[in-house]
């Protein structure tokens, strides 16, 4: 009760911090930009995309198709993503190709894939899945490269913060803590 009461008293500060995080993310360069100028520079977003594009090239995939996929993920945050819809958005022929791009971006720590979890306690890999950005700033990658307007809905960005937080390792002060991802 004491923790809940303390958090309730700090609600406005917590909401403000979450709002900033959903716009800026957690990359050090983005945070530096925000502290210095009040926003994240296109140069920082471009540098972030350059790192990911380089990893995509190393996987022998096309960065342009990956950028289109990032746009599609941004527009569908909070909704299941079918491999076929991703393939159509990317202008690639096969849903298998789209799946390989999503996996490559997940391995590059740009995307988080959440599979359908059935009530019996197992996941269903064949069912549609939700795909989120690991960091909210990835929502700005496509707009910085193309139109200049963020296409990801704010509620989808916020929804994506929850699984990213729940699945990230936590520091632990207990001697038997092994810094494993939290179970919620």
C-alpha atoms as a PDB file:
ATOM      1  CA  UNK A   1       0.000   0.000   0.000  1.00  0.00           C
ATOM      2  CA  UNK A   2       2.821   2.383   0.848  1.00  0.00           C
ATOM      3  CA  UNK A   3       4.419   1.919  -2.577  1.00  0.00           C
ATOM      4  CA  UNK A   4       1.082   2.440  -4.340  1.00  0.00           C
ATOM      5  CA  UNK A   5       0.427   5.571  -2.296  1.00  0.00           C
ATOM      6  CA  UNK A   6       3.918   6.945  -3.043  1.00  0.00           C
ATOM      7  CA  UNK A   7       3.523   6.240  -6.772  1.00  0.00           C
ATOM      8  CA  UNK A   8       0.098   7.873  -6.784  1.00  0.00           C
ATOM      9  CA  UNK A   9       1.585  11.006  -5.226  1.00  0.00           C
ATOM     10  CA  UNK A  10       4.208  11.052  -7.982  1.00  0.00           C
ATOM     11  CA  UNK A  11       1.726  10.376 -10.777  1.00  0.00           C
ATOM     12  CA  UNK A  12       2.254  13.650 -12.638  1.00  0.00           C
ATOM     13  CA  UNK A  13       6.061  13.235 -12.659  1.00  0.00           C
ATOM     14  CA  UNK A  14       5.765   9.597 -13.750  1.00  0.00           C
ATOM     15  CA  UNK A  15       3.355  10.533 -16.563  1.00  0.00           C
ATOM     16  CA  UNK A  16       5.698  13.298 -17.718  1.00  0.00           C
ATOM     17  CA  UNK A  17       8.673  10.909 -17.708  1.00  0.00           C
ATOM     18  CA  UNK A  18       6.725   8.285 -19.674  1.00  0.00           C
ATOM     19  CA  UNK A  19       5.651  10.935 -22.193  1.00  0.00           C
ATOM     20  CA  UNK A  20       9.260  11.997 -22.714  1.00  0.00           C
ATOM     21  CA  UNK A  21      10.438   8.389 -23.020  1.00  0.00           C
ATOM     22  CA  UNK A  22       7.738   7.591 -25.591  1.00  0.00           C
ATOM     23  CA  UNK A  23       9.008  10.476 -27.749  1.00  0.00           C
ATOM     24  CA  UNK A  24      12.756  10.280 -27.112  1.00  0.00           C
ATOM     25  CA  UNK A  25      13.525   6.689 -26.175  1.00  0.00           C
ATOM     26  CA  UNK A  26      16.554   5.636 -24.222  1.00  0.00           C
ATOM     27  CA  UNK A  27      19.546   5.825 -26.552  1.00  0.00           C
ATOM     28  CA  UNK A  28      22.269   7.994 -24.986  1.00  0.00           C
ATOM     29  CA  UNK A  29      22.657  10.236 -28.058  1.00  0.00           C
ATOM     30  CA  UNK A  30      18.893  10.814 -28.200  1.00  0.00           C
ATOM     31  CA  UNK A  31      18.798  11.669 -24.508  1.00  0.00           C
ATOM     32  CA  UNK A  32      21.732  14.057 -24.955  1.00  0.00           C
ATOM     33  CA  UNK A  33      19.905  15.765 -27.828  1.00  0.00           C
ATOM     34  CA  UNK A  34      16.729  16.055 -25.766  1.00  0.00           C
ATOM     35  CA  UNK A  35      18.527  17.523 -22.743  1.00  0.00           C
ATOM     36  CA  UNK A  36      20.445  19.943 -24.954  1.00  0.00           C
ATOM     37  CA  UNK A  37      17.776  21.053 -27.442  1.00  0.00           C
ATOM     38  CA  UNK A  38      14.430  19.628 -26.319  1.00  0.00           C
ATOM     39  CA  UNK A  39      14.157  17.209 -29.253  1.00  0.00           C
ATOM     40  CA  UNK A  40      16.083  14.443 -30.982  1.00  0.00           C
ATOM     41  CA  UNK A  41      18.058  15.585 -34.017  1.00  0.00           C
ATOM     42  CA  UNK A  42      17.646  14.013 -37.446  1.00  0.00           C
ATOM     43  CA  UNK A  43      21.407  13.357 -37.316  1.00  0.00           C
ATOM     44  CA  UNK A  44      20.969  11.133 -34.248  1.00  0.00           C
ATOM     45  CA  UNK A  45      18.033   9.278 -35.813  1.00  0.00           C
ATOM     46  CA  UNK A  46      20.048   8.929 -39.022  1.00  0.00           C
ATOM     47  CA  UNK A  47      23.022   7.513 -37.128  1.00  0.00           C
ATOM     48  CA  UNK A  48      20.749   5.015 -35.402  1.00  0.00           C
ATOM     49  CA  UNK A  49      19.302   3.963 -38.756  1.00  0.00           C
ATOM     50  CA  UNK A  50      22.805   3.726 -40.290  1.00  0.00           C
ATOM     51  CA  UNK A  51      23.775   1.187 -37.610  1.00  0.00           C
ATOM     52  CA  UNK A  52      20.697  -0.925 -38.297  1.00  0.00           C
ATOM     53  CA  UNK A  53      21.021  -0.593 -42.093  1.00  0.00           C
ATOM     54  CA  UNK A  54      24.610  -1.796 -41.847  1.00  0.00           C
ATOM     55  CA  UNK A  55      23.487  -4.895 -39.955  1.00  0.00           C
ATOM     56  CA  UNK A  56      20.775  -5.478 -42.559  1.00  0.00           C
ATOM     57  CA  UNK A  57      23.395  -5.279 -45.331  1.00  0.00           C
ATOM     58  CA  UNK A  58      25.617  -7.725 -43.420  1.00  0.00           C
ATOM     59  CA  UNK A  59      22.651 -10.129 -43.359  1.00  0.00           C
ATOM     60  CA  UNK A  60      22.563  -9.676 -47.173  1.00  0.00           C
ATOM     61  CA  UNK A  61      19.172  -8.000 -47.061  1.00  0.00           C
ATOM     62  CA  UNK A  62      17.979  -4.724 -48.601  1.00  0.00           C
ATOM     63  CA  UNK A  63      17.923  -1.682 -46.278  1.00  0.00           C
ATOM     64  CA  UNK A  64      15.145  -0.044 -48.354  1.00  0.00           C
ATOM     65  CA  UNK A  65      12.851  -3.021 -47.788  1.00  0.00           C
ATOM     66  CA  UNK A  66      13.772  -2.963 -44.073  1.00  0.00           C
ATOM     67  CA  UNK A  67      12.898   0.729 -43.912  1.00  0.00           C
ATOM     68  CA  UNK A  68       9.493   0.005 -45.478  1.00  0.00           C
ATOM     69  CA  UNK A  69       9.000  -2.725 -42.901  1.00  0.00           C
ATOM     70  CA  UNK A  70       9.788  -0.298 -40.086  1.00  0.00           C
ATOM     71  CA  UNK A  71       7.124   2.030 -41.497  1.00  0.00           C
ATOM     72  CA  UNK A  72       4.609  -0.830 -41.624  1.00  0.00           C
ATOM     73  CA  UNK A  73       5.384  -1.854 -38.041  1.00  0.00           C
ATOM     74  CA  UNK A  74       4.971   1.770 -36.952  1.00  0.00           C
ATOM     75  CA  UNK A  75       1.550   2.025 -38.565  1.00  0.00           C
ATOM     76  CA  UNK A  76       0.355  -1.282 -37.119  1.00  0.00           C
ATOM     77  CA  UNK A  77       1.628  -0.988 -33.528  1.00  0.00           C
ATOM     78  CA  UNK A  78      -0.787  -2.648 -31.150  1.00  0.00           C
ATOM     79  CA  UNK A  79      -2.275  -4.849 -33.882  1.00  0.00           C
ATOM     80  CA  UNK A  80      -1.162  -8.292 -34.986  1.00  0.00           C
ATOM     81  CA  UNK A  81       1.207  -8.232 -37.962  1.00  0.00           C
ATOM     82  CA  UNK A  82       0.764 -10.819 -40.683  1.00  0.00           C
ATOM     83  CA  UNK A  83       3.787 -11.795 -42.722  1.00  0.00           C
ATOM     84  CA  UNK A  84       1.715 -11.270 -45.895  1.00  0.00           C
ATOM     85  CA  UNK A  85       0.812  -7.686 -44.959  1.00  0.00           C
ATOM     86  CA  UNK A  86       4.451  -6.991 -44.155  1.00  0.00           C
ATOM     87  CA  UNK A  87       5.528  -8.456 -47.506  1.00  0.00           C
ATOM     88  CA  UNK A  88       3.012  -6.284 -49.367  1.00  0.00           C
ATOM     89  CA  UNK A  89       4.210  -3.145 -47.562  1.00  0.00           C
ATOM     90  CA  UNK A  90       7.818  -4.002 -48.350  1.00  0.00           C
ATOM     91  CA  UNK A  91       7.137  -4.827 -52.030  1.00  0.00           C
ATOM     92  CA  UNK A  92       8.638  -8.296 -51.654  1.00  0.00           C
ATOM     93  CA  UNK A  93       7.163 -11.420 -53.202  1.00  0.00           C
ATOM     94  CA  UNK A  94       7.066 -13.786 -50.268  1.00  0.00           C
ATOM     95  CA  UNK A  95       5.804 -13.740 -46.704  1.00  0.00           C
ATOM     96  CA  UNK A  96       8.905 -15.813 -45.882  1.00  0.00           C
ATOM     97  CA  UNK A  97      11.047 -12.880 -47.014  1.00  0.00           C
ATOM     98  CA  UNK A  98       9.118 -10.493 -44.771  1.00  0.00           C
ATOM     99  CA  UNK A  99       9.543 -12.906 -41.871  1.00  0.00           C
ATOM    100  CA  UNK A 100      13.303 -13.027 -42.442  1.00  0.00           C
ATOM    101  CA  UNK A 101      13.460  -9.211 -42.339  1.00  0.00           C
ATOM    102  CA  UNK A 102      11.486  -9.052 -39.098  1.00  0.00           C
ATOM    103  CA  UNK A 103      13.817 -11.622 -37.561  1.00  0.00           C
ATOM    104  CA  UNK A 104      16.893  -9.741 -38.799  1.00  0.00           C
ATOM    105  CA  UNK A 105      15.590  -6.490 -37.289  1.00  0.00           C
ATOM    106  CA  UNK A 106      14.828  -8.329 -34.040  1.00  0.00           C
ATOM    107  CA  UNK A 107      18.376  -9.709 -33.987  1.00  0.00           C
ATOM    108  CA  UNK A 108      19.606  -6.130 -34.536  1.00  0.00           C
ATOM    109  CA  UNK A 109      17.667  -5.047 -31.421  1.00  0.00           C
ATOM    110  CA  UNK A 110      15.320  -2.821 -33.398  1.00  0.00           C
ATOM    111  CA  UNK A 111      12.150  -4.930 -33.107  1.00  0.00           C
ATOM    112  CA  UNK A 112      10.544  -7.129 -30.483  1.00  0.00           C
ATOM    113  CA  UNK A 113       8.325 -10.006 -31.645  1.00  0.00           C
ATOM    114  CA  UNK A 114       5.570 -11.134 -29.261  1.00  0.00           C
ATOM    115  CA  UNK A 115       3.912 -14.394 -30.280  1.00  0.00           C
ATOM    116  CA  UNK A 116       0.385 -15.406 -29.405  1.00  0.00           C
ATOM    117  CA  UNK A 117       0.335 -17.181 -26.038  1.00  0.00           C
ATOM    118  CA  UNK A 118      -2.364 -19.728 -25.519  1.00  0.00           C
ATOM    119  CA  UNK A 119      -4.060 -20.222 -22.152  1.00  0.00           C
ATOM    120  CA  UNK A 120      -2.581 -23.731 -21.832  1.00  0.00           C
ATOM    121  CA  UNK A 121       0.854 -22.116 -21.495  1.00  0.00           C
ATOM    122  CA  UNK A 122       2.404 -22.450 -24.931  1.00  0.00           C
ATOM    123  CA  UNK A 123       2.912 -20.051 -27.792  1.00  0.00           C
ATOM    124  CA  UNK A 124       1.404 -20.483 -31.220  1.00  0.00           C
ATOM    125  CA  UNK A 125       4.051 -19.553 -33.819  1.00  0.00           C
ATOM    126  CA  UNK A 126       1.621 -19.914 -36.718  1.00  0.00           C
ATOM    127  CA  UNK A 127      -0.801 -17.332 -35.373  1.00  0.00           C
ATOM    128  CA  UNK A 128      -0.232 -13.663 -36.096  1.00  0.00           C
ATOM    129  CA  UNK A 129       2.097 -11.897 -33.763  1.00  0.00           C
ATOM    130  CA  UNK A 130       2.594  -8.360 -32.533  1.00  0.00           C
ATOM    131  CA  UNK A 131       5.783  -6.578 -33.427  1.00  0.00           C
ATOM    132  CA  UNK A 132       7.015  -3.597 -31.435  1.00  0.00           C
ATOM    133  CA  UNK A 133       9.979  -1.268 -31.509  1.00  0.00           C
ATOM    134  CA  UNK A 134      12.603  -2.044 -28.863  1.00  0.00           C
ATOM    135  CA  UNK A 135      13.025   1.704 -28.385  1.00  0.00           C
ATOM    136  CA  UNK A 136      10.329   4.293 -29.166  1.00  0.00           C
ATOM    137  CA  UNK A 137      12.792   6.307 -31.257  1.00  0.00           C
ATOM    138  CA  UNK A 138      12.679   3.618 -33.960  1.00  0.00           C
ATOM    139  CA  UNK A 139       9.200   4.967 -34.738  1.00  0.00           C
ATOM    140  CA  UNK A 140      10.933   8.064 -36.137  1.00  0.00           C
ATOM    141  CA  UNK A 141      13.401   6.249 -38.415  1.00  0.00           C
ATOM    142  CA  UNK A 142      11.098   6.027 -41.421  1.00  0.00           C
ATOM    143  CA  UNK A 143       9.783   9.559 -41.034  1.00  0.00           C
ATOM    144  CA  UNK A 144      13.312  10.962 -40.732  1.00  0.00           C
ATOM    145  CA  UNK A 145      14.312   9.137 -43.915  1.00  0.00           C
ATOM    146  CA  UNK A 146      11.136   9.840 -45.886  1.00  0.00           C
ATOM    147  CA  UNK A 147       8.311  12.187 -45.058  1.00  0.00           C
ATOM    148  CA  UNK A 148       9.256  13.909 -41.810  1.00  0.00           C
ATOM    149  CA  UNK A 149       6.020  12.901 -40.054  1.00  0.00           C
ATOM    150  CA  UNK A 150       5.847  10.187 -37.389  1.00  0.00           C
ATOM    151  CA  UNK A 151       3.363   7.553 -38.490  1.00  0.00           C
ATOM    152  CA  UNK A 152       3.356   5.422 -35.340  1.00  0.00           C
ATOM    153  CA  UNK A 153       0.369   6.074 -33.079  1.00  0.00           C
ATOM    154  CA  UNK A 154       1.209   7.257 -29.570  1.00  0.00           C
ATOM    155  CA  UNK A 155      -0.926   4.545 -27.972  1.00  0.00           C
ATOM    156  CA  UNK A 156       0.944   1.875 -29.961  1.00  0.00           C
ATOM    157  CA  UNK A 157       4.273   3.314 -28.834  1.00  0.00           C
ATOM    158  CA  UNK A 158       3.059   3.232 -25.238  1.00  0.00           C
ATOM    159  CA  UNK A 159       1.770  -0.334 -25.606  1.00  0.00           C
ATOM    160  CA  UNK A 160       5.185  -1.348 -26.938  1.00  0.00           C
ATOM    161  CA  UNK A 161       6.885   0.017 -23.829  1.00  0.00           C
ATOM    162  CA  UNK A 162       5.122  -2.580 -21.682  1.00  0.00           C
ATOM    163  CA  UNK A 163       6.485  -5.829 -23.235  1.00  0.00           C
ATOM    164  CA  UNK A 164       9.898  -4.248 -23.734  1.00  0.00           C
ATOM    165  CA  UNK A 165       9.986  -3.373 -20.038  1.00  0.00           C
ATOM    166  CA  UNK A 166       8.607  -6.721 -18.889  1.00  0.00           C
ATOM    167  CA  UNK A 167      11.092  -8.730 -20.966  1.00  0.00           C
ATOM    168  CA  UNK A 168      14.192  -6.701 -20.122  1.00  0.00           C
ATOM    169  CA  UNK A 169      16.704  -7.801 -17.473  1.00  0.00           C
ATOM    170  CA  UNK A 170      16.452  -6.075 -14.106  1.00  0.00           C
ATOM    171  CA  UNK A 171      19.222  -5.256 -11.690  1.00  0.00           C
ATOM    172  CA  UNK A 172      18.773  -7.193  -8.488  1.00  0.00           C
ATOM    173  CA  UNK A 173      20.305  -6.680  -5.058  1.00  0.00           C
ATOM    174  CA  UNK A 174      19.508 -10.191  -3.850  1.00  0.00           C
ATOM    175  CA  UNK A 175      22.516 -12.588  -3.746  1.00  0.00           C
ATOM    176  CA  UNK A 176      20.523 -15.328  -5.510  1.00  0.00           C
ATOM    177  CA  UNK A 177      19.373 -13.022  -8.327  1.00  0.00           C
ATOM    178  CA  UNK A 178      20.823 -14.001 -11.678  1.00  0.00           C
ATOM    179  CA  UNK A 179      19.597 -10.914 -13.570  1.00  0.00           C
ATOM    180  CA  UNK A 180      17.101 -12.961 -15.554  1.00  0.00           C
ATOM    181  CA  UNK A 181      14.256 -11.329 -17.457  1.00  0.00           C
ATOM    182  CA  UNK A 182      11.325 -10.651 -15.204  1.00  0.00           C
ATOM    183  CA  UNK A 183       8.248 -12.788 -15.508  1.00  0.00           C
ATOM    184  CA  UNK A 184       5.962  -9.853 -14.912  1.00  0.00           C
END
